[in-house]
Amino acid sequence: MSHAGPSTPEFAIRLSSIDQLFWDFDARPVAKRTLSGDARWHLLDEWERVRHAEPSHLTIYVPESDQASTDEDAVREAIWSSLRKSSGPLRRIDPLSRQEKVAAWIGVAVLLICVVASTAMDRATDEVFISGLSQGILLVGWVALWRPAERFVVEVVPHVFNRRRFAEFADIAVRFVWV
């Protein structure tokens, strides 16, 4: 087993089970699985910490009890595939679920209906109460887009800036240490 030198920080993660790397409920063969969001972000944070030292490999510390049931080559392929996908558009690594797509379309429709209703109310009268009600209806429309807007701001935009970092270590050698 090769260890990093004293001046070279180690690019490593420690798992309580190899399953921690992947999304829960994913029944595909290991080589076809995608790294979970938590695993990807942790690897990215670790890479950011050690990248200037240019580590030659990622070390994964896994309990010895997982060794017999783990296909190391399949896990490596899943890691490399996920990291390559992470260096592209977010939709390749974390596509919207059906629920998220439906919610986005419903949010847009609700916003448009609220804009039309609010505008009609504003044009119909100058009463303060109706104007306040009109603004409340418009607020409901914007709230309907809250989750799609949150995903855009919290996930899509940061991913654009992180894609290059993922590409830096997408093909790094992966070593397992059974502890």
Protein backbone atom coordinates (compact mmCIF):
# COMPACT_ATOMS: atom_id res chain seq x y z
CA MET A 1 0.00 0.00 0.00
CA SER A 2 1.41 3.37 -1.04
CA HIS A 3 1.10 6.35 1.28
CA ALA A 4 1.36 10.01 0.40
CA GLY A 5 4.58 11.64 1.51
CA PRO A 6 4.62 13.90 4.55
CA SER A 7 4.38 17.05 2.41
CA THR A 8 1.71 15.65 0.07
CA PRO A 9 -1.81 15.85 1.47
CA GLU A 10 -3.86 12.72 0.90
CA PHE A 11 -6.89 12.82 -1.39
CA ALA A 12 -9.08 10.35 0.47
CA ILE A 13 -12.49 9.55 1.85
CA ARG A 14 -13.51 7.16 4.59
CA LEU A 15 -16.76 5.23 4.27
CA SER A 16 -18.70 3.09 6.70
CA SER A 17 -20.00 1.16 3.67
CA ILE A 18 -19.32 1.27 -0.07
CA ASP A 19 -23.06 2.00 -0.49
CA GLN A 20 -22.45 5.49 0.94
CA LEU A 21 -21.05 6.48 -2.43
CA PHE A 22 -24.32 5.95 -4.29
CA TRP A 23 -27.93 7.13 -4.28
CA ASP A 24 -30.27 5.10 -2.10
CA PHE A 25 -32.71 2.86 -4.00
CA ASP A 26 -30.47 2.62 -7.09
CA ALA A 27 -30.75 -1.03 -8.16
CA ARG A 28 -28.65 -0.76 -11.32
CA PRO A 29 -25.37 -2.68 -11.56
CA VAL A 30 -22.66 -0.89 -9.57
CA ALA A 31 -20.73 0.25 -12.67
CA LYS A 32 -23.88 2.06 -13.93
CA ARG A 33 -24.70 3.81 -10.68
CA THR A 34 -24.23 7.51 -10.07
CA LEU A 35 -22.42 9.00 -7.09
CA SER A 36 -24.80 10.60 -4.63
CA GLY A 37 -24.81 14.36 -4.35
CA ASP A 38 -23.21 14.14 -0.90
CA ALA A 39 -20.40 11.93 -2.22
CA ARG A 40 -19.74 14.25 -5.18
CA TRP A 41 -19.68 17.39 -3.06
CA HIS A 42 -17.44 15.78 -0.45
CA LEU A 43 -14.99 14.65 -3.15
CA LEU A 44 -15.04 18.15 -4.64
CA ASP A 45 -14.31 19.73 -1.24
CA GLU A 46 -11.48 17.27 -0.62
CA TRP A 47 -10.08 17.93 -4.10
CA GLU A 48 -10.16 21.67 -3.47
CA ARG A 49 -8.15 21.10 -0.30
CA VAL A 50 -5.41 18.99 -1.97
CA ARG A 51 -5.46 19.89 -5.67
CA HIS A 52 -2.36 22.11 -5.62
CA ALA A 53 -0.32 19.12 -4.43
CA GLU A 54 -1.50 17.22 -7.53
CA PRO A 55 -2.31 13.89 -5.86
CA SER A 56 -1.95 10.88 -8.14
CA HIS A 57 -4.88 8.93 -6.73
CA LEU A 58 -8.01 8.92 -4.62
CA THR A 59 -7.87 6.58 -1.65
CA ILE A 60 -11.14 5.13 -0.39
CA TYR A 61 -11.04 3.67 3.10
CA VAL A 62 -13.74 1.00 3.41
CA PRO A 63 -14.51 -1.55 6.12
CA GLU A 64 -12.90 -4.92 5.49
CA SER A 65 -16.33 -6.53 5.88
CA ASP A 66 -17.34 -4.99 2.49
CA GLN A 67 -14.36 -6.37 0.59
CA ALA A 68 -15.85 -9.74 -0.40
CA SER A 69 -19.01 -8.17 -1.83
CA THR A 70 -17.34 -5.21 -3.58
CA ASP A 71 -16.35 -5.26 -7.24
CA GLU A 72 -13.54 -2.68 -7.13
CA ASP A 73 -13.45 -2.26 -10.92
CA ALA A 74 -17.20 -1.59 -11.05
CA VAL A 75 -16.95 0.98 -8.24
CA ARG A 76 -14.02 2.68 -10.02
CA GLU A 77 -16.02 2.82 -13.26
CA ALA A 78 -19.03 4.30 -11.44
CA ILE A 79 -16.82 6.95 -9.80
CA TRP A 80 -15.09 7.89 -13.07
CA SER A 81 -18.35 7.95 -15.01
CA SER A 82 -20.04 10.15 -12.39
CA LEU A 83 -17.12 12.56 -12.23
CA ARG A 84 -16.98 12.84 -16.04
CA LYS A 85 -20.71 13.57 -16.09
CA SER A 86 -20.18 16.14 -13.31
CA SER A 87 -17.78 18.03 -15.54
CA GLY A 88 -20.66 18.63 -17.97
CA PRO A 89 -24.11 20.19 -17.63
CA LEU A 90 -25.95 19.47 -14.38
CA ARG A 91 -28.73 17.66 -16.26
CA ARG A 92 -26.23 14.89 -17.14
CA ILE A 93 -25.39 14.06 -13.52
CA ASP A 94 -28.52 15.23 -11.67
CA PRO A 95 -31.47 15.41 -14.07
CA LEU A 96 -34.80 16.73 -12.89
CA SER A 97 -37.17 14.08 -11.61
CA ARG A 98 -40.61 13.81 -13.13
CA GLN A 99 -42.04 15.53 -10.07
CA GLU A 100 -39.61 18.45 -10.44
CA LYS A 101 -40.44 18.86 -14.15
CA VAL A 102 -44.18 18.82 -13.48
CA ALA A 103 -43.76 21.25 -10.58
CA ALA A 104 -41.76 23.65 -12.76
CA TRP A 105 -44.41 23.65 -15.49
CA ILE A 106 -47.19 24.11 -12.94
CA GLY A 107 -45.20 26.94 -11.33
CA VAL A 108 -44.86 28.76 -14.66
CA ALA A 109 -48.57 28.30 -15.41
CA VAL A 110 -49.59 29.53 -11.95
CA LEU A 111 -47.29 32.55 -12.28
CA LEU A 112 -48.75 33.48 -15.67
CA ILE A 113 -52.32 33.10 -14.39
CA CYS A 114 -51.49 35.22 -11.34
CA VAL A 115 -49.86 37.92 -13.50
CA VAL A 116 -52.95 38.09 -15.72
CA ALA A 117 -55.31 38.18 -12.70
CA SER A 118 -53.22 40.79 -10.90
CA THR A 119 -52.95 42.99 -13.97
CA ALA A 120 -56.70 42.74 -14.61
CA MET A 121 -57.45 43.73 -11.01
CA ASP A 122 -55.01 46.67 -11.17
CA ARG A 123 -56.62 47.96 -14.37
CA ALA A 124 -60.18 47.51 -13.07
CA THR A 125 -59.89 49.83 -10.08
CA ASP A 126 -57.60 52.10 -8.08
CA GLU A 127 -58.91 50.96 -4.68
CA VAL A 128 -56.17 50.31 -2.14
CA PHE A 129 -57.71 47.05 -0.93
CA ILE A 130 -57.95 45.65 -4.48
CA SER A 131 -54.40 46.81 -5.20
CA GLY A 132 -53.15 44.96 -2.12
CA LEU A 133 -55.10 41.86 -3.10
CA SER A 134 -53.63 42.11 -6.59
CA GLN A 135 -50.09 42.19 -5.16
CA GLY A 136 -50.91 39.19 -2.94
CA ILE A 137 -52.05 37.21 -5.98
CA LEU A 138 -48.83 38.12 -7.78
CA LEU A 139 -46.84 36.97 -4.75
CA VAL A 140 -48.61 33.59 -4.88
CA GLY A 141 -47.48 33.28 -8.50
CA TRP A 142 -43.85 33.90 -7.59
CA VAL A 143 -44.04 31.45 -4.68
CA ALA A 144 -45.21 28.78 -7.15
CA LEU A 145 -41.79 29.12 -8.82
CA TRP A 146 -39.86 29.02 -5.53
CA ARG A 147 -38.38 25.50 -5.81
CA PRO A 148 -37.39 25.77 -9.51
CA ALA A 149 -35.78 29.15 -8.78
CA GLU A 150 -34.03 27.72 -5.71
CA ARG A 151 -32.60 24.84 -7.77
CA PHE A 152 -31.34 27.30 -10.34
CA VAL A 153 -29.63 29.55 -7.78
CA VAL A 154 -28.38 26.87 -5.36
CA GLU A 155 -27.51 24.00 -7.73
CA VAL A 156 -27.31 25.02 -11.41
CA VAL A 157 -25.28 28.23 -11.08
CA PRO A 158 -22.71 26.81 -8.62
CA HIS A 159 -22.38 23.71 -10.83
CA VAL A 160 -21.34 25.91 -13.76
CA PHE A 161 -18.42 27.15 -11.67
CA ASN A 162 -17.53 23.68 -10.33
CA ARG A 163 -17.53 21.76 -13.62
CA ARG A 164 -13.88 22.50 -14.34
CA ARG A 165 -12.87 21.29 -10.87
CA PHE A 166 -14.68 17.99 -11.40
CA ALA A 167 -12.89 17.61 -14.74
CA GLU A 168 -9.53 18.02 -12.98
CA PHE A 169 -9.92 14.72 -11.11
CA ALA A 170 -12.50 12.86 -13.22
CA ASP A 171 -9.96 10.24 -14.34
CA ILE A 172 -7.83 10.00 -11.21
CA ALA A 173 -6.67 6.54 -10.13
CA VAL A 174 -8.83 5.06 -7.38
CA ARG A 175 -7.35 2.84 -4.67
CA PHE A 176 -9.15 0.94 -1.96
CA VAL A 177 -7.83 0.41 1.53
CA TRP A 178 -9.75 -2.18 3.51
CA VAL A 179 -9.68 -1.31 7.21
